Structures are given as C-alpha cells and as structure tokens.
Protein backbone atom coordinates (compact mmCIF):
# COMPACT_ATOMS: atom_id res chain seq x y z
CA UNK A 1 13.57 -30.04 -19.57
CA UNK A 2 14.47 -26.01 -20.09
CA UNK A 3 10.82 -24.96 -20.91
CA UNK A 4 9.73 -26.84 -17.70
CA UNK A 5 12.01 -25.22 -15.26
CA UNK A 6 11.31 -21.89 -17.20
CA UNK A 7 7.72 -22.81 -16.46
CA UNK A 8 8.23 -23.92 -12.76
CA UNK A 9 10.39 -20.70 -12.16
CA UNK A 10 7.69 -18.27 -13.65
CA UNK A 11 4.45 -19.87 -11.99
CA UNK A 12 6.49 -19.49 -8.17
CA UNK A 13 7.29 -15.79 -9.31
CA UNK A 14 3.48 -15.34 -10.21
CA UNK A 15 2.42 -16.56 -7.14
CA UNK A 16 4.48 -14.01 -5.37
CA UNK A 17 3.22 -11.25 -7.78
CA UNK A 18 -0.62 -12.04 -6.73
CA UNK A 19 0.25 -11.19 -2.96
CA UNK A 20 -0.75 -8.07 -1.74
CA UNK A 21 1.33 -5.14 -2.30
CA UNK A 22 3.98 -4.61 0.39
CA UNK A 23 4.83 -1.19 2.01
CA UNK A 24 7.10 0.62 -0.57
CA UNK A 25 9.80 0.84 2.48
CA UNK A 26 9.75 -3.13 2.67
CA UNK A 27 11.28 -3.20 -0.91
CA UNK A 28 15.38 -3.18 -1.44
CA UNK A 29 16.03 -2.99 -5.10
CA UNK A 30 12.54 -3.77 -6.74
CA UNK A 31 9.13 -4.88 -6.11
CA UNK A 32 6.67 -7.73 -7.89
CA UNK A 33 3.86 -6.62 -9.27
CA UNK A 34 0.61 -7.53 -6.86
CA UNK A 35 -2.57 -6.58 -6.07
CA UNK A 36 -5.61 -7.39 -3.61
CA UNK A 37 -7.85 -9.69 -5.90
CA UNK A 38 -11.76 -9.24 -5.36
CA UNK A 39 -14.85 -10.77 -6.74
CA UNK A 40 -17.20 -7.98 -6.77
CA UNK A 41 -15.77 -6.55 -10.14
CA UNK A 42 -14.43 -3.68 -9.25
CA UNK A 43 -10.74 -2.44 -9.48
CA UNK A 44 -8.26 -4.26 -7.34
CA UNK A 45 -6.66 -2.56 -4.43
CA UNK A 46 -2.90 -2.14 -5.73
CA UNK A 47 -1.93 -0.70 -2.30
CA UNK A 48 1.04 2.10 -2.21
CA UNK A 49 1.66 0.85 -5.80
CA UNK A 50 -0.76 3.23 -7.19
CA UNK A 51 1.54 6.48 -6.05
CA UNK A 52 4.49 4.90 -7.86
CA UNK A 53 2.61 3.97 -11.04
CA UNK A 54 1.02 7.26 -11.38
CA UNK A 55 4.19 9.13 -10.63
CA UNK A 56 6.16 7.42 -13.73
CA UNK A 57 2.90 7.65 -15.69
CA UNK A 58 2.70 3.54 -15.77
CA UNK A 59 -1.10 1.81 -15.88
CA UNK A 60 -2.39 -1.24 -14.48
CA UNK A 61 -5.95 -0.51 -15.33
CA UNK A 62 -8.22 2.27 -16.75
CA UNK A 63 -9.88 4.20 -13.96
CA UNK A 64 -12.75 5.91 -16.08
CA UNK A 65 -14.95 3.40 -14.25
CA UNK A 66 -16.22 2.79 -18.01
CA UNK A 67 -17.22 -0.73 -19.08
CA UNK A 68 -13.81 -0.83 -21.26
CA UNK A 69 -11.37 -3.70 -21.32
CA UNK A 70 -8.06 -4.32 -22.79
CA UNK A 71 -6.93 -7.73 -23.77
CA UNK A 72 -3.05 -8.43 -23.70
CA UNK A 73 -1.10 -11.38 -23.89
CA UNK A 74 2.52 -12.26 -23.04
CA UNK A 75 4.41 -14.62 -25.34
CA UNK A 76 7.67 -16.44 -24.68
CA UNK A 77 7.74 -19.40 -26.67
CA UNK A 78 5.07 -20.78 -28.65
CA UNK A 79 2.54 -23.98 -28.33
CA UNK A 80 0.49 -23.57 -31.34
CA UNK A 81 -2.46 -21.91 -30.10
CA UNK A 82 -1.64 -18.29 -30.84
CA UNK A 83 -3.20 -18.74 -34.61
CA UNK A 84 -6.45 -19.88 -32.78
CA UNK A 85 -6.14 -16.63 -30.57
CA UNK A 86 -5.68 -14.57 -33.35
CA UNK A 87 -8.34 -15.94 -35.43
CA UNK A 88 -10.86 -15.13 -32.48
CA UNK A 89 -9.40 -11.52 -32.26
CA UNK A 90 -10.18 -11.18 -35.97
CA UNK A 91 -13.82 -12.85 -35.88
CA UNK A 92 -14.70 -10.47 -33.31
CA UNK A 93 -12.65 -7.21 -34.64
CA UNK A 94 -11.12 -7.32 -31.12
CA UNK A 95 -7.74 -5.57 -30.75
CA UNK A 96 -5.20 -7.15 -28.37
CA UNK A 97 -1.42 -6.39 -27.61
CA UNK A 98 1.17 -8.91 -27.39
CA UNK A 99 4.36 -8.23 -25.29
CA UNK A 100 6.93 -10.70 -27.12
CA UNK A 101 10.54 -11.80 -25.97
CA UNK A 102 13.40 -12.17 -28.23
CA UNK A 103 13.19 -15.96 -28.39
CA UNK A 104 9.45 -15.62 -29.69
CA UNK A 105 10.46 -13.28 -32.35
CA UNK A 106 13.41 -15.15 -33.63
CA UNK A 107 11.72 -18.42 -33.76
CA UNK A 108 7.94 -17.54 -34.64
CA UNK A 109 8.85 -14.34 -37.46
CA UNK A 110 5.48 -15.02 -39.40
CA UNK A 111 3.50 -15.07 -36.27
CA UNK A 112 4.85 -11.88 -35.50
CA UNK A 113 4.03 -10.26 -38.98
CA UNK A 114 0.43 -11.77 -38.61
CA UNK A 115 0.26 -9.80 -35.35
CA UNK A 116 0.96 -6.29 -36.97
CA UNK A 117 -0.83 -7.11 -40.10
CA UNK A 118 -4.01 -7.96 -38.12
CA UNK A 119 -3.61 -4.56 -36.54
CA UNK A 120 -2.52 -5.52 -32.97
CA UNK A 121 0.03 -3.83 -30.77
CA UNK A 122 3.22 -5.60 -30.29
CA UNK A 123 4.73 -4.90 -27.00
CA UNK A 124 8.28 -5.40 -25.52
CA UNK A 125 8.74 -7.81 -22.84
CA UNK A 126 12.68 -7.32 -23.31
CA UNK A 127 14.95 -9.43 -25.58
CA UNK A 128 16.28 -12.23 -22.78
CA UNK A 129 13.49 -12.00 -20.36
CA UNK A 130 15.85 -10.62 -17.23
CA UNK A 131 14.98 -9.36 -14.16
CA UNK A 132 15.16 -5.43 -15.02
CA UNK A 133 15.44 -4.38 -11.50
CA UNK A 134 19.06 -6.26 -11.09
CA UNK A 135 20.70 -4.86 -14.33
CA UNK A 136 22.29 -1.40 -15.24
CA UNK A 137 20.57 1.40 -17.64
CA UNK A 138 22.71 0.43 -20.25
CA UNK A 139 21.84 -3.41 -20.33
CA UNK A 140 17.88 -2.37 -20.09
CA UNK A 141 18.34 0.15 -22.95
CA UNK A 142 19.98 -3.01 -24.77
CA UNK A 143 17.41 -5.40 -24.11
CA UNK A 144 14.56 -3.33 -24.81
CA UNK A 145 16.20 -1.92 -28.45
CA UNK A 146 17.51 -5.27 -29.60
CA UNK A 147 13.76 -6.57 -29.02
CA UNK A 148 12.44 -3.35 -31.03
CA UNK A 149 14.82 -4.21 -33.64
CA UNK A 150 13.72 -7.58 -33.85
CA UNK A 151 10.34 -7.07 -34.36
CA UNK A 152 11.28 -4.18 -36.98
CA UNK A 153 12.80 -6.55 -39.25
CA UNK A 154 9.89 -9.30 -39.60
CA UNK A 155 6.98 -6.83 -39.02
CA UNK A 156 5.54 -3.72 -40.21
CA UNK A 157 5.84 -2.60 -36.88
CA UNK A 158 8.62 -0.06 -36.42
CA UNK A 159 8.62 1.08 -32.88
CA UNK A 160 7.49 -0.15 -29.59
CA UNK A 161 6.04 1.97 -26.92
CA UNK A 162 4.63 0.07 -23.93
CA UNK A 163 6.82 -2.35 -21.99
CA UNK A 164 5.69 -5.22 -19.79
CA UNK A 165 8.51 -5.68 -17.45
CA UNK A 166 9.59 -9.54 -17.28
CA UNK A 167 8.08 -11.53 -14.22
CA UNK A 168 6.37 -8.28 -13.32
CA UNK A 169 9.51 -6.98 -11.43
CA UNK A 170 9.89 -3.01 -11.49
CA UNK A 171 11.34 -0.24 -9.42
CA UNK A 172 11.13 3.39 -9.35
CA UNK A 173 14.43 3.50 -10.99
CA UNK A 174 13.22 1.09 -13.79
CA UNK A 175 10.15 3.06 -14.30
CA UNK A 176 12.18 6.11 -14.59
CA UNK A 177 14.75 4.84 -17.01
CA UNK A 178 11.59 3.17 -19.14
CA UNK A 179 10.28 6.95 -19.31
CA UNK A 180 13.52 8.06 -20.62
CA UNK A 181 13.80 5.50 -23.25
CA UNK A 182 10.57 6.33 -24.38
CA UNK A 183 8.30 3.34 -22.72
CA UNK A 184 5.23 3.33 -21.01
CA UNK A 185 4.81 0.32 -18.48
CA UNK A 186 1.69 -1.58 -18.86
CA UNK A 187 0.99 -4.04 -15.81
CA UNK A 188 -2.33 -5.67 -15.37
CA UNK A 189 -5.40 -5.87 -13.17
CA UNK A 190 -6.77 -9.53 -14.21
CA UNK A 191 -4.65 -12.40 -14.50
CA UNK A 192 -4.15 -16.14 -13.17
CA UNK A 193 -2.08 -18.89 -13.76
CA UNK A 194 -2.92 -20.17 -17.15
CA UNK A 195 -0.16 -22.29 -18.39
CA UNK A 196 1.42 -25.98 -17.21
CA UNK A 197 -1.57 -28.16 -16.69
CA UNK A 198 -4.73 -27.04 -18.34
CA UNK A 199 -7.93 -27.69 -17.06
CA UNK A 200 -10.56 -27.46 -19.71
CA UNK A 201 -12.00 -23.96 -21.25
CA UNK A 202 -14.50 -23.57 -18.51
CA UNK A 203 -11.66 -22.99 -15.70
CA UNK A 204 -10.07 -19.86 -18.08
CA UNK A 205 -13.47 -18.59 -18.92
CA UNK A 206 -14.51 -18.52 -15.08
CA UNK A 207 -11.24 -17.35 -13.78
CA UNK A 208 -11.72 -14.49 -16.14
CA UNK A 209 -15.35 -13.89 -15.72
CA UNK A 210 -15.50 -13.97 -11.87
CA UNK A 211 -12.99 -10.87 -11.90
CA UNK A 212 -14.04 -9.09 -14.83
CA UNK A 213 -14.57 -5.39 -14.07
CA UNK A 214 -14.65 -1.99 -15.42
CA UNK A 215 -11.04 -1.22 -17.24
CA UNK A 216 -9.75 -4.22 -16.73
CA UNK A 217 -6.19 -4.90 -18.48
CA UNK A 218 -6.35 -8.68 -18.99
CA UNK A 219 -3.05 -10.86 -19.04
CA UNK A 220 -3.15 -13.86 -20.94
CA UNK A 221 -0.60 -16.41 -22.21
CA UNK A 222 -0.99 -17.97 -25.84
CA UNK A 223 0.58 -21.10 -24.30
CA UNK A 224 -2.44 -21.92 -23.05
CA UNK A 225 -5.02 -24.14 -24.89
CA UNK A 226 -7.64 -23.31 -22.42
CA UNK A 227 -7.24 -19.75 -23.21
CA UNK A 228 -7.37 -20.27 -26.67
CA UNK A 229 -10.48 -22.21 -26.73
CA UNK A 230 -12.46 -20.10 -23.73
CA UNK A 231 -11.25 -16.92 -25.91
CA UNK A 232 -14.34 -16.78 -28.44
CA UNK A 233 -16.73 -17.30 -25.32
CA UNK A 234 -15.33 -14.56 -23.26
CA UNK A 235 -15.46 -12.09 -25.64
CA UNK A 236 -19.29 -13.01 -26.74
CA UNK A 237 -19.93 -13.18 -23.01
CA UNK A 238 -18.25 -9.50 -22.19
CA UNK A 239 -19.75 -7.68 -25.11
CA UNK A 240 -23.34 -9.13 -23.94
CA UNK A 241 -22.56 -7.29 -20.73
CA UNK A 242 -22.01 -4.01 -22.44
CA UNK A 243 -18.00 -4.59 -22.52
CA UNK A 244 -16.10 -2.82 -24.96
CA UNK A 245 -12.43 -3.80 -26.09
CA UNK A 246 -10.14 -1.06 -26.76
CA UNK A 247 -6.64 -0.93 -27.59
CA UNK A 248 -3.48 0.38 -25.55
CA UNK A 249 -3.45 3.47 -27.43
CA UNK A 250 -6.95 4.25 -26.75
CA UNK A 251 -6.13 3.94 -23.22
CA UNK A 252 -2.90 5.92 -23.22
CA UNK A 253 -3.95 8.73 -25.70
CA UNK A 254 -7.00 9.47 -23.87
CA UNK A 255 -5.09 10.35 -20.74
CA UNK A 256 -3.10 12.72 -22.58
CA UNK A 257 -5.28 14.45 -24.63
CA UNK A 258 -5.61 18.35 -23.78
CA UNK A 259 -8.47 18.71 -20.86
CA UNK A 260 -11.86 21.28 -21.67
CA UNK A 261 -11.67 24.51 -19.91
CA UNK A 262 -14.64 25.48 -18.38
CA UNK A 263 -15.55 28.91 -16.78
CA UNK A 264 -13.69 31.33 -19.23
C-alpha cells in the first residue's frame, strides 16, 4: 500500500512536471521541472527555465546539436529489473547514470556496488526523497551527504557530483545551494510515465524513439519491465541512427574545458 501511494503521488507530480514551463514570476517557492514536448526530434522548449539553469550551471540536455545522448535512471526501490538493465548496458558498452535514494542504497547494496563496478555514475536523488524547495540548507546538505556516505559504504564511488532533485522540484535557492555544496543539477529532456501498469516493451520503445533528439538526457526508471525489455532494442536502433551514448562527465567536462583562442 505504501509503495502504491508513493507511486500515485509521483505520477501526479510527473504529470504536472510535463506541463509547459510557467512564467518565473508565477512560482512562489519552487518550480516543477517541465518542458514543451515535440515529435520533430528537436530540443524541447523549456521557456524561462533556460535562463535559470544557465545561471546556475545546471543541465537538461546537451545543446551542441551533436547526435549524443545520455541515459539516466532514477531508482527509489527495486522490482527485479535492474540486473537486466545493467546486463544490456554492459552488452552494448553504454554508460549510464543512476540517481539513487537512501532506501535503494540500503536495500540493494549489491546492485549499487555493481553499478559502480560496471563504470556507471551514481547520482544523488537525496536520502529521503523530500521536496528540497521547502527545506533549509542544512536539511538539504544532510540529505545529500547522508546519501553520499551510504553509497561510499557499499561501492567504490566515494563522492557524488550530480544531483537530480526529488520530484523534479527546484528553485533558484536550491540550485545555488547545490552549487555551494559541490553538486550539479541534472534534469532531463525526454521522459514518459514508465511505472505502474506496464503496457509492453513497444510502448516504452515508441515513447523514446518518437521524441529522441540530439543531446537528449533520457530519464527512465528501472522499476519498469517495459524499459528493461525495450532497452536492448532502443540502444540498437539509436546506434543505427548515428547516436552515440556518453556519460554525464562527458557533458559537464566538455563545457568546462578552456576554449581555443584565435586571432593572436
């Protein structure tokens, strides 16, 4: 019952997050991440969120227009499909990032250990999954540090650089605090409701392929049997279309490399 209620709440929040971005002046304490979806394989419109993200060095996509994509997964609890997902990633030599909660780390230490051993990035989804826009900076710091310590205790990854805020909630305040705590926010430019009732692998496949675009940061959940079954086909087809799979380190580090100087 508890998992059902949590899933129902998350479903409602994600539906709200997929609404077009509101004017910045309309938000009191925080925003729910959202964008205007399109099916012409272009970057989605994020409205005034773009200025906010740029100000605080946060990411929702790779804007280089290259056919590069980034696979990310949010893991709050386990339903038996993560091993299958990891097997497919290993088969295709594709990197991914897994944003974990405290419950997941404590209940699935072997899977967390495997994620790190397979070379994937473990990201911070907070320990208790609160709305970070309504907590103090000290509370936010504790949420992130406690998760980071839990990951370090069960895997080779001793520090975490990337944060995906619970429920996609953020504000200029939380973006600023995250930067001060050493974190980079990672949002997404492609996602769909992929938990709850499963509709078959083709449903997941079509939802991704209909909206794939150069530079996409794709958000999936490993609680979905549809995703686990579709992943091999998705990676195969995207590679066939010329897409390359990169890690978040590639995205962030390339933006921070010194730019060449011309005309001297």
